[in-house]
């Protein structure tokens, strides 16, 4: 019987070695895939991790086929306002978007929008108007879940809501200082997201109860981190903004810094973005409290500091939180949401 050629033996050994390496590679890849699938499923099912979020939205915008709408232009449009920030975030004004196009893009995504509103103490008197006007104008035709934080749950009005829209009452303790109510909002928003919303909601907006809707507030407002420009300061120099000016505070904005002055009464965005904002502002507020500091405008001051560093991806014009006692300036073509006229001495506990 002839001996096997040495070269043949070498070839056989090399083939065997390659097969072993291939087997190890395939086996390891299979384990990695299984591990990834298990982790993905755990992320969806496990509600114990407050930092885990299920991203259910699509990052790209898909328009329905054959949808007809007015041809857009980059040389014609509004010239009385600025519609983009220096970091290239859109500023939303009437006349800068097509509502029908946007609704047709977001409706197939089957998004859910949460809204938080705080009706503590005598502020409960504003809740009925808020809820009734929200039914007329706030994300009409979309799934909406309103969360009402109140110390008077028995006084929450019964408001008929359209299909796909619901209200949940979240009991909270009373307070002798309106500043404490204001300051705790970030903590309560953070906890709401972690305990109830993170696997079931795409976007969240945090709104003041002593306001009501007068016009559409819809898909044009959706974005990662969404801020609303304060109606009282949008024409002012930044030196006039009521930022927290004490360097010892975590809400400090130095002279010569800041972009716009944003409302604490209306902000929102993707769930994970608002969670990070609320968590950071809460931590900074608590750090201030430990050294005896309360920021000038509580959570609004911390929000403005946060958004100076973490630029909002979309900015809503003062149309989205006007003030009823103010007459409209020429650039305000529509009022969508506005604070009602009130006597603070009658409704605030201090």
C-alpha atoms as a PDB file:
ATOM      1  CA  UNK A   1       0.000   0.000   0.000  1.00  0.00           C
ATOM      2  CA  UNK A   2       1.603   3.329  -1.079  1.00  0.00           C
ATOM      3  CA  UNK A   3       2.457   5.908   1.583  1.00  0.00           C
ATOM      4  CA  UNK A   4       0.473   9.157   1.651  1.00  0.00           C
ATOM      5  CA  UNK A   5       2.362  12.063   0.120  1.00  0.00           C
ATOM      6  CA  UNK A   6       3.616  14.586   2.697  1.00  0.00           C
ATOM      7  CA  UNK A   7       2.043  17.473   0.821  1.00  0.00           C
ATOM      8  CA  UNK A   8      -1.344  15.730   0.878  1.00  0.00           C
ATOM      9  CA  UNK A   9      -1.095  15.291   4.660  1.00  0.00           C
ATOM     10  CA  UNK A  10      -0.329  18.971   5.051  1.00  0.00           C
ATOM     11  CA  UNK A  11      -3.304  19.930   2.870  1.00  0.00           C
ATOM     12  CA  UNK A  12      -5.642  17.671   4.848  1.00  0.00           C
ATOM     13  CA  UNK A  13      -4.437  19.182   8.127  1.00  0.00           C
ATOM     14  CA  UNK A  14      -4.913  22.711   6.796  1.00  0.00           C
ATOM     15  CA  UNK A  15      -8.444  21.909   5.632  1.00  0.00           C
ATOM     16  CA  UNK A  16      -9.261  20.395   9.015  1.00  0.00           C
ATOM     17  CA  UNK A  17      -7.889  23.480  10.779  1.00  0.00           C
ATOM     18  CA  UNK A  18      -9.933  25.788   8.569  1.00  0.00           C
ATOM     19  CA  UNK A  19     -13.084  23.764   9.287  1.00  0.00           C
ATOM     20  CA  UNK A  20     -12.463  24.031  13.031  1.00  0.00           C
ATOM     21  CA  UNK A  21     -11.943  27.804  12.774  1.00  0.00           C
ATOM     22  CA  UNK A  22     -15.094  28.153  10.644  1.00  0.00           C
ATOM     23  CA  UNK A  23     -17.098  26.123  13.167  1.00  0.00           C
ATOM     24  CA  UNK A  24     -15.883  28.293  16.053  1.00  0.00           C
ATOM     25  CA  UNK A  25     -16.730  31.486  14.149  1.00  0.00           C
ATOM     26  CA  UNK A  26     -20.236  30.346  13.242  1.00  0.00           C
ATOM     27  CA  UNK A  27     -20.878  29.096  16.776  1.00  0.00           C
ATOM     28  CA  UNK A  28     -19.718  32.367  18.323  1.00  0.00           C
ATOM     29  CA  UNK A  29     -21.769  34.420  15.865  1.00  0.00           C
ATOM     30  CA  UNK A  30     -24.836  32.368  16.701  1.00  0.00           C
ATOM     31  CA  UNK A  31     -24.298  32.976  20.407  1.00  0.00           C
ATOM     32  CA  UNK A  32     -23.894  36.718  19.799  1.00  0.00           C
ATOM     33  CA  UNK A  33     -27.158  36.837  17.834  1.00  0.00           C
ATOM     34  CA  UNK A  34     -28.985  34.923  20.565  1.00  0.00           C
ATOM     35  CA  UNK A  35     -27.520  37.213  23.211  1.00  0.00           C
ATOM     36  CA  UNK A  36     -28.586  40.308  21.270  1.00  0.00           C
ATOM     37  CA  UNK A  37     -32.104  38.929  20.824  1.00  0.00           C
ATOM     38  CA  UNK A  38     -32.363  38.091  24.512  1.00  0.00           C
ATOM     39  CA  UNK A  39     -31.142  41.550  25.516  1.00  0.00           C
ATOM     40  CA  UNK A  40     -33.565  43.193  23.084  1.00  0.00           C
ATOM     41  CA  UNK A  41     -36.439  41.184  24.497  1.00  0.00           C
ATOM     42  CA  UNK A  42     -35.326  41.987  28.028  1.00  0.00           C
ATOM     43  CA  UNK A  43     -35.316  45.689  27.155  1.00  0.00           C
ATOM     44  CA  UNK A  44     -38.890  45.425  25.940  1.00  0.00           C
ATOM     45  CA  UNK A  45     -40.148  43.305  28.823  1.00  0.00           C
ATOM     46  CA  UNK A  46     -38.124  44.539  31.791  1.00  0.00           C
ATOM     47  CA  UNK A  47     -39.616  47.617  33.399  1.00  0.00           C
ATOM     48  CA  UNK A  48     -37.172  47.686  36.299  1.00  0.00           C
ATOM     49  CA  UNK A  49     -34.438  49.608  34.485  1.00  0.00           C
ATOM     50  CA  UNK A  50     -35.409  53.309  34.442  1.00  0.00           C
ATOM     51  CA  UNK A  51     -32.744  54.103  31.859  1.00  0.00           C
ATOM     52  CA  UNK A  52     -34.036  51.615  29.259  1.00  0.00           C
ATOM     53  CA  UNK A  53     -36.282  52.933  26.529  1.00  0.00           C
ATOM     54  CA  UNK A  54     -37.909  51.207  23.605  1.00  0.00           C
ATOM     55  CA  UNK A  55     -37.562  53.453  20.572  1.00  0.00           C
ATOM     56  CA  UNK A  56     -40.677  52.838  18.525  1.00  0.00           C
ATOM     57  CA  UNK A  57     -40.552  55.795  16.198  1.00  0.00           C
ATOM     58  CA  UNK A  58     -38.861  56.003  12.802  1.00  0.00           C
ATOM     59  CA  UNK A  59     -36.119  58.540  12.392  1.00  0.00           C
ATOM     60  CA  UNK A  60     -36.841  59.181   8.722  1.00  0.00           C
ATOM     61  CA  UNK A  61     -40.037  60.757   7.417  1.00  0.00           C
ATOM     62  CA  UNK A  62     -42.019  58.704   4.897  1.00  0.00           C
ATOM     63  CA  UNK A  63     -44.698  60.454   2.889  1.00  0.00           C
ATOM     64  CA  UNK A  64     -47.661  58.493   1.476  1.00  0.00           C
ATOM     65  CA  UNK A  65     -47.366  57.754  -2.218  1.00  0.00           C
ATOM     66  CA  UNK A  66     -49.141  60.190  -4.560  1.00  0.00           C
ATOM     67  CA  UNK A  67     -49.954  62.656  -1.790  1.00  0.00           C
ATOM     68  CA  UNK A  68     -50.629  66.078  -3.285  1.00  0.00           C
ATOM     69  CA  UNK A  69     -49.749  69.291  -1.508  1.00  0.00           C
ATOM     70  CA  UNK A  70     -48.535  72.782  -2.356  1.00  0.00           C
ATOM     71  CA  UNK A  71     -45.099  72.868  -3.948  1.00  0.00           C
ATOM     72  CA  UNK A  72     -42.502  74.008  -1.380  1.00  0.00           C
ATOM     73  CA  UNK A  73     -40.147  76.884  -2.086  1.00  0.00           C
ATOM     74  CA  UNK A  74     -36.835  77.996  -0.657  1.00  0.00           C
ATOM     75  CA  UNK A  75     -37.055  81.525  -2.046  1.00  0.00           C
ATOM     76  CA  UNK A  76     -40.612  82.430  -1.057  1.00  0.00           C
ATOM     77  CA  UNK A  77     -42.196  82.355   2.367  1.00  0.00           C
ATOM     78  CA  UNK A  78     -42.252  84.347   5.568  1.00  0.00           C
ATOM     79  CA  UNK A  79     -39.687  87.126   5.704  1.00  0.00           C
ATOM     80  CA  UNK A  80     -40.822  88.783   8.942  1.00  0.00           C
ATOM     81  CA  UNK A  81     -39.455  86.076  11.245  1.00  0.00           C
ATOM     82  CA  UNK A  82     -36.433  83.811  11.545  1.00  0.00           C
ATOM     83  CA  UNK A  83     -37.347  80.165  10.935  1.00  0.00           C
ATOM     84  CA  UNK A  84     -34.039  78.492  11.842  1.00  0.00           C
ATOM     85  CA  UNK A  85     -31.664  78.785  14.812  1.00  0.00           C
ATOM     86  CA  UNK A  86     -27.869  79.202  14.504  1.00  0.00           C
ATOM     87  CA  UNK A  87     -27.525  75.441  15.227  1.00  0.00           C
ATOM     88  CA  UNK A  88     -29.977  74.753  12.368  1.00  0.00           C
ATOM     89  CA  UNK A  89     -33.003  73.733  14.410  1.00  0.00           C
ATOM     90  CA  UNK A  90     -36.310  74.810  12.842  1.00  0.00           C
ATOM     91  CA  UNK A  91     -38.340  77.535  14.533  1.00  0.00           C
ATOM     92  CA  UNK A  92     -42.009  76.740  13.965  1.00  0.00           C
ATOM     93  CA  UNK A  93     -44.251  79.622  12.910  1.00  0.00           C
ATOM     94  CA  UNK A  94     -47.575  79.689  11.115  1.00  0.00           C
ATOM     95  CA  UNK A  95     -46.838  79.550   7.413  1.00  0.00           C
ATOM     96  CA  UNK A  96     -43.651  77.482   7.720  1.00  0.00           C
ATOM     97  CA  UNK A  97     -45.173  73.977   7.538  1.00  0.00           C
ATOM     98  CA  UNK A  98     -47.859  71.950   5.798  1.00  0.00           C
ATOM     99  CA  UNK A  99     -50.114  70.395   8.443  1.00  0.00           C
ATOM    100  CA  UNK A 100     -51.731  67.922   6.061  1.00  0.00           C
ATOM    101  CA  UNK A 101     -48.367  66.614   4.886  1.00  0.00           C
ATOM    102  CA  UNK A 102     -47.032  66.236   8.418  1.00  0.00           C
ATOM    103  CA  UNK A 103     -50.148  64.486   9.697  1.00  0.00           C
ATOM    104  CA  UNK A 104     -50.027  62.052   6.780  1.00  0.00           C
ATOM    105  CA  UNK A 105     -46.413  61.225   7.630  1.00  0.00           C
ATOM    106  CA  UNK A 106     -46.967  60.638  11.351  1.00  0.00           C
ATOM    107  CA  UNK A 107     -50.395  58.980  11.290  1.00  0.00           C
ATOM    108  CA  UNK A 108     -49.120  55.622   9.934  1.00  0.00           C
ATOM    109  CA  UNK A 109     -46.524  55.535  12.733  1.00  0.00           C
ATOM    110  CA  UNK A 110     -49.364  55.108  15.242  1.00  0.00           C
ATOM    111  CA  UNK A 111     -47.585  57.356  17.730  1.00  0.00           C
ATOM    112  CA  UNK A 112     -48.749  58.010  21.281  1.00  0.00           C
ATOM    113  CA  UNK A 113     -48.358  61.484  22.775  1.00  0.00           C
ATOM    114  CA  UNK A 114     -48.483  62.037  26.536  1.00  0.00           C
ATOM    115  CA  UNK A 115     -49.240  65.384  28.130  1.00  0.00           C
ATOM    116  CA  UNK A 116     -48.634  66.292  31.766  1.00  0.00           C
ATOM    117  CA  UNK A 117     -50.497  69.034  33.563  1.00  0.00           C
ATOM    118  CA  UNK A 118     -50.328  70.078  37.225  1.00  0.00           C
ATOM    119  CA  UNK A 119     -53.585  71.193  38.842  1.00  0.00           C
ATOM    120  CA  UNK A 120     -52.548  71.637  42.475  1.00  0.00           C
ATOM    121  CA  UNK A 121     -54.535  73.691  44.967  1.00  0.00           C
ATOM    122  CA  UNK A 122     -56.750  76.362  43.449  1.00  0.00           C
ATOM    123  CA  UNK A 123     -55.185  75.762  40.014  1.00  0.00           C
ATOM    124  CA  UNK A 124     -57.790  73.020  39.627  1.00  0.00           C
ATOM    125  CA  UNK A 125     -60.150  75.791  38.458  1.00  0.00           C
ATOM    126  CA  UNK A 126     -58.296  75.999  35.133  1.00  0.00           C
ATOM    127  CA  UNK A 127     -58.380  72.286  34.336  1.00  0.00           C
ATOM    128  CA  UNK A 128     -61.777  72.111  32.638  1.00  0.00           C
ATOM    129  CA  UNK A 129     -60.920  74.755  30.029  1.00  0.00           C
ATOM    130  CA  UNK A 130     -57.524  73.161  29.492  1.00  0.00           C
ATOM    131  CA  UNK A 131     -58.986  69.702  28.856  1.00  0.00           C
ATOM    132  CA  UNK A 132     -61.913  70.857  26.728  1.00  0.00           C
ATOM    133  CA  UNK A 133     -59.756  73.002  24.457  1.00  0.00           C
ATOM    134  CA  UNK A 134     -57.115  70.251  24.224  1.00  0.00           C
ATOM    135  CA  UNK A 135     -59.811  68.003  22.776  1.00  0.00           C
ATOM    136  CA  UNK A 136     -60.390  70.555  20.034  1.00  0.00           C
ATOM    137  CA  UNK A 137     -56.810  71.424  19.147  1.00  0.00           C
ATOM    138  CA  UNK A 138     -54.094  69.243  20.718  1.00  0.00           C
ATOM    139  CA  UNK A 139     -52.977  66.401  18.409  1.00  0.00           C
ATOM    140  CA  UNK A 140     -56.487  65.859  17.100  1.00  0.00           C
ATOM    141  CA  UNK A 141     -56.799  62.446  15.436  1.00  0.00           C
ATOM    142  CA  UNK A 142     -53.827  60.955  17.312  1.00  0.00           C
ATOM    143  CA  UNK A 143     -53.516  58.836  20.430  1.00  0.00           C
ATOM    144  CA  UNK A 144     -53.159  61.152  23.423  1.00  0.00           C
ATOM    145  CA  UNK A 145     -52.888  60.347  27.132  1.00  0.00           C
ATOM    146  CA  UNK A 146     -53.226  63.264  29.552  1.00  0.00           C
ATOM    147  CA  UNK A 147     -51.788  62.845  33.050  1.00  0.00           C
ATOM    148  CA  UNK A 148     -53.256  65.247  35.609  1.00  0.00           C
ATOM    149  CA  UNK A 149     -51.216  65.720  38.796  1.00  0.00           C
ATOM    150  CA  UNK A 150     -53.475  67.075  41.507  1.00  0.00           C
ATOM    151  CA  UNK A 151     -54.096  67.135  45.245  1.00  0.00           C
ATOM    152  CA  UNK A 152     -57.834  67.369  44.542  1.00  0.00           C
ATOM    153  CA  UNK A 153     -58.616  64.232  42.533  1.00  0.00           C
ATOM    154  CA  UNK A 154     -62.331  64.412  43.385  1.00  0.00           C
ATOM    155  CA  UNK A 155     -62.552  67.800  41.680  1.00  0.00           C
ATOM    156  CA  UNK A 156     -61.151  66.693  38.308  1.00  0.00           C
ATOM    157  CA  UNK A 157     -63.902  67.550  35.795  1.00  0.00           C
ATOM    158  CA  UNK A 158     -65.532  64.960  33.569  1.00  0.00           C
ATOM    159  CA  UNK A 159     -64.620  65.850  29.992  1.00  0.00           C
ATOM    160  CA  UNK A 160     -65.722  63.736  27.058  1.00  0.00           C
ATOM    161  CA  UNK A 161     -62.656  62.559  25.147  1.00  0.00           C
ATOM    162  CA  UNK A 162     -62.473  61.227  21.614  1.00  0.00           C
ATOM    163  CA  UNK A 163     -61.575  57.637  20.789  1.00  0.00           C
ATOM    164  CA  UNK A 164     -57.897  56.909  21.421  1.00  0.00           C
ATOM    165  CA  UNK A 165     -57.615  59.673  24.007  1.00  0.00           C
ATOM    166  CA  UNK A 166     -57.648  59.163  27.765  1.00  0.00           C
ATOM    167  CA  UNK A 167     -56.984  60.872  31.078  1.00  0.00           C
ATOM    168  CA  UNK A 168     -55.257  59.521  34.186  1.00  0.00           C
ATOM    169  CA  UNK A 169     -55.324  61.292  37.552  1.00  0.00           C
ATOM    170  CA  UNK A 170     -52.033  61.241  39.481  1.00  0.00           C
ATOM    171  CA  UNK A 171     -52.579  62.211  43.160  1.00  0.00           C
ATOM    172  CA  UNK A 172     -49.872  64.408  44.708  1.00  0.00           C
ATOM    173  CA  UNK A 173     -49.594  66.090  48.129  1.00  0.00           C
ATOM    174  CA  UNK A 174     -50.534  69.718  48.688  1.00  0.00           C
ATOM    175  CA  UNK A 175     -47.939  72.389  49.374  1.00  0.00           C
ATOM    176  CA  UNK A 176     -47.873  75.684  51.234  1.00  0.00           C
ATOM    177  CA  UNK A 177     -45.477  77.238  48.699  1.00  0.00           C
ATOM    178  CA  UNK A 178     -46.144  77.480  44.979  1.00  0.00           C
ATOM    179  CA  UNK A 179     -42.379  77.424  44.448  1.00  0.00           C
ATOM    180  CA  UNK A 180     -42.227  73.891  45.862  1.00  0.00           C
ATOM    181  CA  UNK A 181     -45.011  72.772  43.520  1.00  0.00           C
ATOM    182  CA  UNK A 182     -43.101  74.243  40.616  1.00  0.00           C
ATOM    183  CA  UNK A 183     -39.807  72.729  41.714  1.00  0.00           C
ATOM    184  CA  UNK A 184     -41.191  69.205  42.131  1.00  0.00           C
ATOM    185  CA  UNK A 185     -42.547  69.002  38.601  1.00  0.00           C
ATOM    186  CA  UNK A 186     -39.291  67.722  37.125  1.00  0.00           C
ATOM    187  CA  UNK A 187     -39.103  64.948  39.714  1.00  0.00           C
ATOM    188  CA  UNK A 188     -42.694  63.881  39.063  1.00  0.00           C
ATOM    189  CA  UNK A 189     -42.225  63.945  35.290  1.00  0.00           C
ATOM    190  CA  UNK A 190     -39.088  61.819  35.619  1.00  0.00           C
ATOM    191  CA  UNK A 191     -40.879  59.261  37.787  1.00  0.00           C
ATOM    192  CA  UNK A 192     -43.910  59.167  35.492  1.00  0.00           C
ATOM    193  CA  UNK A 193     -41.710  58.360  32.505  1.00  0.00           C
ATOM    194  CA  UNK A 194     -39.771  55.673  34.356  1.00  0.00           C
ATOM    195  CA  UNK A 195     -42.768  53.950  35.941  1.00  0.00           C
ATOM    196  CA  UNK A 196     -45.549  54.290  33.371  1.00  0.00           C
ATOM    197  CA  UNK A 197     -44.541  55.646  29.988  1.00  0.00           C
ATOM    198  CA  UNK A 198     -41.223  54.390  28.719  1.00  0.00           C
ATOM    199  CA  UNK A 199     -42.482  51.324  26.826  1.00  0.00           C
ATOM    200  CA  UNK A 200     -45.808  52.758  25.726  1.00  0.00           C
ATOM    201  CA  UNK A 201     -45.312  56.380  24.706  1.00  0.00           C
ATOM    202  CA  UNK A 202     -43.314  58.074  21.957  1.00  0.00           C
ATOM    203  CA  UNK A 203     -43.532  61.790  22.767  1.00  0.00           C
ATOM    204  CA  UNK A 204     -44.415  63.850  25.827  1.00  0.00           C
ATOM    205  CA  UNK A 205     -45.311  67.502  26.318  1.00  0.00           C
ATOM    206  CA  UNK A 206     -45.367  69.193  29.721  1.00  0.00           C
ATOM    207  CA  UNK A 207     -47.898  72.022  29.810  1.00  0.00           C
ATOM    208  CA  UNK A 208     -49.222  74.631  32.250  1.00  0.00           C
ATOM    209  CA  UNK A 209     -52.804  74.126  33.407  1.00  0.00           C
ATOM    210  CA  UNK A 210     -53.585  77.845  33.661  1.00  0.00           C
ATOM    211  CA  UNK A 211     -53.586  78.035  29.874  1.00  0.00           C
ATOM    212  CA  UNK A 212     -55.908  76.932  27.124  1.00  0.00           C
ATOM    213  CA  UNK A 213     -55.722  76.087  23.437  1.00  0.00           C
ATOM    214  CA  UNK A 214     -56.952  78.465  20.750  1.00  0.00           C
ATOM    215  CA  UNK A 215     -55.545  76.790  17.646  1.00  0.00           C
ATOM    216  CA  UNK A 216     -53.883  73.700  16.264  1.00  0.00           C
ATOM    217  CA  UNK A 217     -50.996  72.141  18.197  1.00  0.00           C
ATOM    218  CA  UNK A 218     -50.000  69.026  16.291  1.00  0.00           C
ATOM    219  CA  UNK A 219     -47.336  67.030  14.488  1.00  0.00           C
ATOM    220  CA  UNK A 220     -45.413  70.129  13.454  1.00  0.00           C
ATOM    221  CA  UNK A 221     -44.268  70.324  17.100  1.00  0.00           C
ATOM    222  CA  UNK A 222     -42.709  66.852  17.212  1.00  0.00           C
ATOM    223  CA  UNK A 223     -38.954  66.599  17.647  1.00  0.00           C
ATOM    224  CA  UNK A 224     -36.189  65.218  19.801  1.00  0.00           C
ATOM    225  CA  UNK A 225     -35.983  68.005  22.395  1.00  0.00           C
ATOM    226  CA  UNK A 226     -38.613  70.708  21.902  1.00  0.00           C
ATOM    227  CA  UNK A 227     -38.552  74.154  23.527  1.00  0.00           C
ATOM    228  CA  UNK A 228     -41.046  77.020  23.408  1.00  0.00           C
ATOM    229  CA  UNK A 229     -39.821  80.609  23.264  1.00  0.00           C
ATOM    230  CA  UNK A 230     -41.250  82.749  26.084  1.00  0.00           C
ATOM    231  CA  UNK A 231     -43.653  85.408  24.747  1.00  0.00           C
ATOM    232  CA  UNK A 232     -42.479  88.001  27.240  1.00  0.00           C
ATOM    233  CA  UNK A 233     -38.837  88.097  26.168  1.00  0.00           C
ATOM    234  CA  UNK A 234     -38.504  87.028  22.546  1.00  0.00           C
ATOM    235  CA  UNK A 235     -37.874  90.573  21.328  1.00  0.00           C
ATOM    236  CA  UNK A 236     -35.385  91.395  24.110  1.00  0.00           C
ATOM    237  CA  UNK A 237     -31.622  91.318  24.281  1.00  0.00           C
ATOM    238  CA  UNK A 238     -30.286  88.337  26.240  1.00  0.00           C
ATOM    239  CA  UNK A 239     -29.084  90.668  28.980  1.00  0.00           C
ATOM    240  CA  UNK A 240     -32.762  91.214  29.832  1.00  0.00           C
ATOM    241  CA  UNK A 241     -33.566  87.498  30.183  1.00  0.00           C
ATOM    242  CA  UNK A 242     -34.435  86.449  33.769  1.00  0.00           C
ATOM    243  CA  UNK A 243     -31.810  83.701  33.908  1.00  0.00           C
ATOM    244  CA  UNK A 244     -30.382  82.556  37.229  1.00  0.00           C
ATOM    245  CA  UNK A 245     -27.353  84.850  37.599  1.00  0.00           C
ATOM    246  CA  UNK A 246     -25.722  83.483  40.775  1.00  0.00           C
ATOM    247  CA  UNK A 247     -22.633  81.455  39.859  1.00  0.00           C
ATOM    248  CA  UNK A 248     -23.161  79.178  42.873  1.00  0.00           C
ATOM    249  CA  UNK A 249     -26.379  77.818  41.359  1.00  0.00           C
ATOM    250  CA  UNK A 250     -26.472  74.843  38.986  1.00  0.00           C
ATOM    251  CA  UNK A 251     -28.932  76.894  36.914  1.00  0.00           C
ATOM    252  CA  UNK A 252     -26.390  79.678  36.362  1.00  0.00           C
ATOM    253  CA  UNK A 253     -26.191  81.311  32.938  1.00  0.00           C
ATOM    254  CA  UNK A 254     -23.379  83.830  32.722  1.00  0.00           C
ATOM    255  CA  UNK A 255     -23.752  87.319  31.223  1.00  0.00           C
ATOM    256  CA  UNK A 256     -23.311  87.172  27.473  1.00  0.00           C
ATOM    257  CA  UNK A 257     -24.494  83.550  27.338  1.00  0.00           C
ATOM    258  CA  UNK A 258     -27.835  82.001  26.437  1.00  0.00           C
ATOM    259  CA  UNK A 259     -29.770  81.688  23.186  1.00  0.00           C
ATOM    260  CA  UNK A 260     -33.418  82.412  23.907  1.00  0.00           C
ATOM    261  CA  UNK A 261     -35.508  82.490  27.064  1.00  0.00           C
ATOM    262  CA  UNK A 262     -37.645  79.351  27.062  1.00  0.00           C
ATOM    263  CA  UNK A 263     -40.953  78.715  28.828  1.00  0.00           C
ATOM    264  CA  UNK A 264     -41.155  76.357  31.760  1.00  0.00           C
ATOM    265  CA  UNK A 265     -44.866  76.091  31.006  1.00  0.00           C
ATOM    266  CA  UNK A 266     -44.493  74.252  27.712  1.00  0.00           C
ATOM    267  CA  UNK A 267     -41.737  71.894  26.588  1.00  0.00           C
ATOM    268  CA  UNK A 268     -41.458  68.333  25.349  1.00  0.00           C
ATOM    269  CA  UNK A 269     -40.088  65.950  22.753  1.00  0.00           C
ATOM    270  CA  UNK A 270     -39.141  62.320  22.529  1.00  0.00           C
ATOM    271  CA  UNK A 271     -39.687  60.431  25.755  1.00  0.00           C
ATOM    272  CA  UNK A 272     -35.998  59.654  26.339  1.00  0.00           C
ATOM    273  CA  UNK A 273     -34.973  63.269  25.718  1.00  0.00           C
ATOM    274  CA  UNK A 274     -37.511  64.678  28.162  1.00  0.00           C
ATOM    275  CA  UNK A 275     -36.537  62.031  30.705  1.00  0.00           C
ATOM    276  CA  UNK A 276     -32.903  63.147  30.534  1.00  0.00           C
ATOM    277  CA  UNK A 277     -33.925  66.802  30.836  1.00  0.00           C
ATOM    278  CA  UNK A 278     -36.183  66.146  33.831  1.00  0.00           C
ATOM    279  CA  UNK A 279     -33.625  63.938  35.571  1.00  0.00           C
ATOM    280  CA  UNK A 280     -30.804  66.449  35.096  1.00  0.00           C
ATOM    281  CA  UNK A 281     -32.880  69.427  36.212  1.00  0.00           C
ATOM    282  CA  UNK A 282     -34.060  67.506  39.268  1.00  0.00           C
ATOM    283  CA  UNK A 283     -30.490  66.570  40.224  1.00  0.00           C
ATOM    284  CA  UNK A 284     -29.318  70.144  39.772  1.00  0.00           C
ATOM    285  CA  UNK A 285     -32.228  71.508  41.774  1.00  0.00           C
ATOM    286  CA  UNK A 286     -31.494  69.091  44.624  1.00  0.00           C
ATOM    287  CA  UNK A 287     -27.792  69.999  44.538  1.00  0.00           C
ATOM    288  CA  UNK A 288     -28.757  73.672  44.847  1.00  0.00           C
ATOM    289  CA  UNK A 289     -31.114  72.905  47.726  1.00  0.00           C
ATOM    290  CA  UNK A 290     -28.315  71.247  49.692  1.00  0.00           C
ATOM    291  CA  UNK A 291     -26.440  74.557  49.769  1.00  0.00           C
ATOM    292  CA  UNK A 292     -29.541  76.650  50.408  1.00  0.00           C
ATOM    293  CA  UNK A 293     -30.107  77.931  46.867  1.00  0.00           C
ATOM    294  CA  UNK A 294     -33.435  78.094  45.050  1.00  0.00           C
ATOM    295  CA  UNK A 295     -33.097  79.216  41.428  1.00  0.00           C
ATOM    296  CA  UNK A 296     -34.824  82.455  40.453  1.00  0.00           C
ATOM    297  CA  UNK A 297     -37.648  80.726  38.560  1.00  0.00           C
ATOM    298  CA  UNK A 298     -37.352  77.192  39.944  1.00  0.00           C
ATOM    299  CA  UNK A 299     -37.633  74.535  37.223  1.00  0.00           C
ATOM    300  CA  UNK A 300     -37.799  77.148  34.454  1.00  0.00           C
ATOM    301  CA  UNK A 301     -34.347  78.422  35.429  1.00  0.00           C
ATOM    302  CA  UNK A 302     -32.903  74.905  35.393  1.00  0.00           C
ATOM    303  CA  UNK A 303     -34.620  74.167  32.084  1.00  0.00           C
ATOM    304  CA  UNK A 304     -33.055  77.249  30.503  1.00  0.00           C
ATOM    305  CA  UNK A 305     -29.612  76.254  31.754  1.00  0.00           C
ATOM    306  CA  UNK A 306     -30.104  72.733  30.388  1.00  0.00           C
ATOM    307  CA  UNK A 307     -31.210  73.953  26.959  1.00  0.00           C
ATOM    308  CA  UNK A 308     -28.350  76.434  26.734  1.00  0.00           C
ATOM    309  CA  UNK A 309     -25.978  73.441  26.834  1.00  0.00           C
ATOM    310  CA  UNK A 310     -28.230  70.808  25.241  1.00  0.00           C
ATOM    311  CA  UNK A 311     -29.646  72.622  22.242  1.00  0.00           C
ATOM    312  CA  UNK A 312     -33.274  71.826  21.402  1.00  0.00           C
ATOM    313  CA  UNK A 313     -33.756  70.117  18.057  1.00  0.00           C
ATOM    314  CA  UNK A 314     -36.938  72.083  17.420  1.00  0.00           C
ATOM    315  CA  UNK A 315     -38.012  75.471  18.755  1.00  0.00           C
ATOM    316  CA  UNK A 316     -41.656  76.510  18.857  1.00  0.00           C
ATOM    317  CA  UNK A 317     -42.461  80.187  18.384  1.00  0.00           C
ATOM    318  CA  UNK A 318     -44.428  82.194  20.978  1.00  0.00           C
ATOM    319  CA  UNK A 319     -47.593  81.082  19.164  1.00  0.00           C
ATOM    320  CA  UNK A 320     -47.292  77.967  21.328  1.00  0.00           C
ATOM    321  CA  UNK A 321     -47.535  79.808  24.658  1.00  0.00           C
ATOM    322  CA  UNK A 322     -48.836  83.331  24.372  1.00  0.00           C
ATOM    323  CA  UNK A 323     -50.361  85.399  27.205  1.00  0.00           C
ATOM    324  CA  UNK A 324     -54.018  86.396  27.071  1.00  0.00           C
ATOM    325  CA  UNK A 325     -53.340  89.830  28.548  1.00  0.00           C
ATOM    326  CA  UNK A 326     -50.973  90.681  25.662  1.00  0.00           C
ATOM    327  CA  UNK A 327     -52.165  92.001  22.321  1.00  0.00           C
ATOM    328  CA  UNK A 328     -50.795  90.153  19.297  1.00  0.00           C
ATOM    329  CA  UNK A 329     -47.635  91.507  17.745  1.00  0.00           C
ATOM    330  CA  UNK A 330     -47.660  91.650  13.925  1.00  0.00           C
ATOM    331  CA  UNK A 331     -45.590  88.470  13.536  1.00  0.00           C
ATOM    332  CA  UNK A 332     -48.047  86.455  15.642  1.00  0.00           C
ATOM    333  CA  UNK A 333     -50.483  85.291  12.975  1.00  0.00           C
ATOM    334  CA  UNK A 334     -52.178  82.731  15.224  1.00  0.00           C
ATOM    335  CA  UNK A 335     -52.323  81.978  18.943  1.00  0.00           C
ATOM    336  CA  UNK A 336     -52.253  78.240  19.555  1.00  0.00           C
ATOM    337  CA  UNK A 337     -51.890  78.043  23.347  1.00  0.00           C
ATOM    338  CA  UNK A 338     -52.064  80.910  25.809  1.00  0.00           C
ATOM    339  CA  UNK A 339     -51.936  81.633  29.525  1.00  0.00           C
ATOM    340  CA  UNK A 340     -55.251  82.929  30.852  1.00  0.00           C
ATOM    341  CA  UNK A 341     -55.647  86.172  32.768  1.00  0.00           C
ATOM    342  CA  UNK A 342     -55.592  85.509  36.518  1.00  0.00           C
ATOM    343  CA  UNK A 343     -54.934  87.052  39.913  1.00  0.00           C
ATOM    344  CA  UNK A 344     -51.978  85.201  41.420  1.00  0.00           C
ATOM    345  CA  UNK A 345     -52.827  86.455  44.910  1.00  0.00           C
ATOM    346  CA  UNK A 346     -56.086  84.501  44.734  1.00  0.00           C
ATOM    347  CA  UNK A 347     -54.699  81.186  43.529  1.00  0.00           C
ATOM    348  CA  UNK A 348     -51.186  80.836  44.968  1.00  0.00           C
ATOM    349  CA  UNK A 349     -50.773  79.593  48.539  1.00  0.00           C
ATOM    350  CA  UNK A 350     -48.073  82.182  49.306  1.00  0.00           C
END
